[in-house]
Amino acid sequence: MRDETRRAVRRWIPAIVWTALIFIVSSIPTLPSVGFRLAFADKIAHAIEFAGLGLFLTIGFGGADGERGRRQTALLVIASGLTIGFLDELYQLAVPGRRVEFLDWVADSVGVVAGYGAAVAYSARRRTRGRTAGGTAASSDDDGVRI
């Protein structure tokens, strides 16, 4: 396998594994509750879960400063994340004990956008730090993963 292909595969592994984990958790009929009730705790959990997905999709698509450019990467990340969230909610229709809620999908969407935003902020911070250190800004890690 060529180095470029290897790097592309490695960029996508976190997003694929994270997506699989989302569907595995969605397969659990009833999730255990924590010892206290917090208003909208499930929506917060959805947002955090999908923020990770947004971050990993950003890496998969080539990073916040990837080959495609920031705007196109944002559209790909958000469209993919929203689609995965929608499919996850549909999947839960088939899981006994699970409910489908529109607000869960909204929380998923907010999380995806937040994950993308975190990747952009991290990338900008790295570029700024690289310039202030007197060097050039690093745009990729040793393995070619750009965020």
Protein backbone atom coordinates (compact mmCIF):
# COMPACT_ATOMS: atom_id res chain seq x y z
CA MET A 1 0.00 0.00 0.00
CA ARG A 2 1.34 3.44 -0.90
CA ASP A 3 2.23 5.87 1.89
CA GLU A 4 -0.48 8.32 0.82
CA THR A 5 -3.12 5.60 0.93
CA ARG A 6 -1.83 4.38 4.30
CA ARG A 7 -2.08 7.89 5.74
CA ALA A 8 -5.62 8.28 4.40
CA VAL A 9 -6.67 4.97 5.96
CA ARG A 10 -5.12 5.97 9.30
CA ARG A 11 -6.96 9.30 9.21
CA TRP A 12 -10.30 7.49 8.87
CA ILE A 13 -9.80 4.81 11.55
CA PRO A 14 -10.87 7.03 14.52
CA ALA A 15 -14.08 8.17 12.74
CA ILE A 16 -14.99 4.61 11.77
CA VAL A 17 -14.35 3.24 15.26
CA TRP A 18 -16.24 6.14 16.89
CA THR A 19 -19.22 5.63 14.57
CA ALA A 20 -19.25 1.93 15.41
CA LEU A 21 -19.22 2.78 19.13
CA ILE A 22 -22.17 5.15 18.65
CA PHE A 23 -24.20 2.34 17.09
CA ILE A 24 -23.05 -0.16 19.74
CA VAL A 25 -24.27 2.17 22.50
CA SER A 26 -27.52 2.66 20.57
CA SER A 27 -27.95 -1.12 20.58
CA ILE A 28 -28.25 -1.20 24.38
CA PRO A 29 -32.00 -1.36 25.16
CA THR A 30 -31.83 0.62 28.40
CA LEU A 31 -28.80 2.59 29.44
CA PRO A 32 -28.00 2.72 33.15
CA SER A 33 -28.80 6.03 34.78
CA VAL A 34 -26.41 7.95 36.96
CA GLY A 35 -27.35 8.39 40.60
CA PHE A 36 -28.92 11.81 40.03
CA ARG A 37 -31.20 13.51 37.52
CA LEU A 38 -29.86 16.40 35.50
CA ALA A 39 -32.17 18.24 33.16
CA PHE A 40 -31.32 17.38 29.56
CA ALA A 41 -28.49 15.03 30.62
CA ASP A 42 -29.21 12.77 27.67
CA LYS A 43 -29.00 15.72 25.26
CA ILE A 44 -25.66 16.74 26.77
CA ALA A 45 -24.43 13.17 26.34
CA HIS A 46 -25.56 13.19 22.70
CA ALA A 47 -23.75 16.48 22.06
CA ILE A 48 -20.51 15.23 23.66
CA GLU A 49 -20.70 11.91 21.81
CA PHE A 50 -21.18 13.64 18.46
CA ALA A 51 -18.56 16.32 19.19
CA GLY A 52 -16.08 13.44 19.16
CA LEU A 53 -17.52 12.31 15.85
CA GLY A 54 -17.21 15.84 14.42
CA LEU A 55 -13.57 15.97 15.47
CA PHE A 56 -12.79 12.55 14.01
CA LEU A 57 -14.65 13.29 10.77
CA THR A 58 -12.61 16.48 10.43
CA ILE A 59 -9.43 14.43 10.71
CA GLY A 60 -10.79 11.89 8.24
CA PHE A 61 -11.64 14.50 5.64
CA GLY A 62 -8.13 15.91 5.82
CA GLY A 63 -8.29 18.31 8.73
CA ALA A 64 -9.39 21.84 9.38
CA ASP A 65 -6.79 23.02 6.88
CA GLY A 66 -7.01 19.95 4.70
CA GLU A 67 -6.56 19.52 1.01
CA ARG A 68 -10.18 20.44 0.35
CA GLY A 69 -10.12 23.72 2.20
CA ARG A 70 -11.89 24.72 5.36
CA ARG A 71 -15.31 25.49 3.87
CA GLN A 72 -15.63 22.24 1.92
CA THR A 73 -14.34 20.22 4.88
CA ALA A 74 -16.92 21.91 7.13
CA LEU A 75 -19.73 21.00 4.73
CA LEU A 76 -18.55 17.39 4.45
CA VAL A 77 -18.13 16.99 8.21
CA ILE A 78 -21.50 18.54 9.05
CA ALA A 79 -23.40 16.68 6.32
CA SER A 80 -21.80 13.36 7.29
CA GLY A 81 -22.31 13.92 11.01
CA LEU A 82 -25.95 14.90 10.60
CA THR A 83 -26.54 11.88 8.39
CA ILE A 84 -24.92 9.53 10.91
CA GLY A 85 -27.02 11.10 13.68
CA PHE A 86 -30.18 10.65 11.63
CA LEU A 87 -29.32 7.02 10.82
CA ASP A 88 -28.56 6.40 14.50
CA GLU A 89 -32.01 7.68 15.46
CA LEU A 90 -33.63 5.50 12.77
CA TYR A 91 -31.62 2.51 13.98
CA GLN A 92 -33.04 3.01 17.47
CA LEU A 93 -36.53 2.37 16.06
CA ALA A 94 -35.50 -1.29 15.86
CA VAL A 95 -34.01 -1.46 19.36
CA PRO A 96 -36.52 -2.49 22.04
CA GLY A 97 -36.62 0.00 24.91
CA ARG A 98 -35.12 2.86 22.89
CA ARG A 99 -36.96 5.96 21.73
CA VAL A 100 -36.41 8.21 18.76
CA GLU A 101 -36.41 11.89 19.61
CA PHE A 102 -35.97 14.84 17.29
CA LEU A 103 -34.13 16.74 20.05
CA ASP A 104 -31.57 13.92 20.25
CA TRP A 105 -30.78 14.54 16.60
CA VAL A 106 -30.57 18.28 17.27
CA ALA A 107 -28.09 17.60 20.10
CA ASP A 108 -26.13 15.30 17.77
CA SER A 109 -25.99 18.12 15.21
CA VAL A 110 -24.80 20.66 17.76
CA GLY A 111 -22.11 18.21 18.83
CA VAL A 112 -20.86 17.64 15.28
CA VAL A 113 -20.54 21.39 14.71
CA ALA A 114 -18.78 21.80 18.07
CA GLY A 115 -16.34 18.99 17.22
CA TYR A 116 -15.52 20.61 13.90
CA GLY A 117 -15.11 23.97 15.65
CA ALA A 118 -12.75 22.43 18.21
CA ALA A 119 -10.61 20.99 15.40
CA VAL A 120 -10.46 24.39 13.65
CA ALA A 121 -9.56 26.14 16.91
CA TYR A 122 -6.84 23.60 17.68
CA SER A 123 -5.42 23.91 14.17
CA ALA A 124 -5.37 27.71 14.39
CA ARG A 125 -3.68 27.53 17.78
CA ARG A 126 -0.98 25.24 16.40
CA ARG A 127 -0.35 27.57 13.46
CA THR A 128 -0.13 30.60 15.75
CA ARG A 129 2.15 28.81 18.20
CA GLY A 130 4.42 27.73 15.32
CA ARG A 131 4.73 31.29 14.05
CA THR A 132 5.39 32.81 17.46
CA ALA A 133 8.14 30.27 18.10
CA GLY A 134 10.01 31.66 15.09
CA GLY A 135 9.43 28.60 12.95
CA THR A 136 6.91 27.77 10.36
CA ALA A 137 3.51 26.54 11.40
CA ALA A 138 3.19 22.79 11.48
CA SER A 139 0.36 21.63 9.29
CA SER A 140 0.60 17.92 9.89
CA ASP A 141 1.74 15.39 12.42
CA ASP A 142 4.29 12.72 11.65
CA ASP A 143 1.55 10.43 10.36
CA GLY A 144 0.07 13.05 8.06
CA VAL A 145 -3.05 13.66 10.16
CA ARG A 146 -3.98 17.29 9.84
CA ILE A 147 -6.08 19.05 12.39
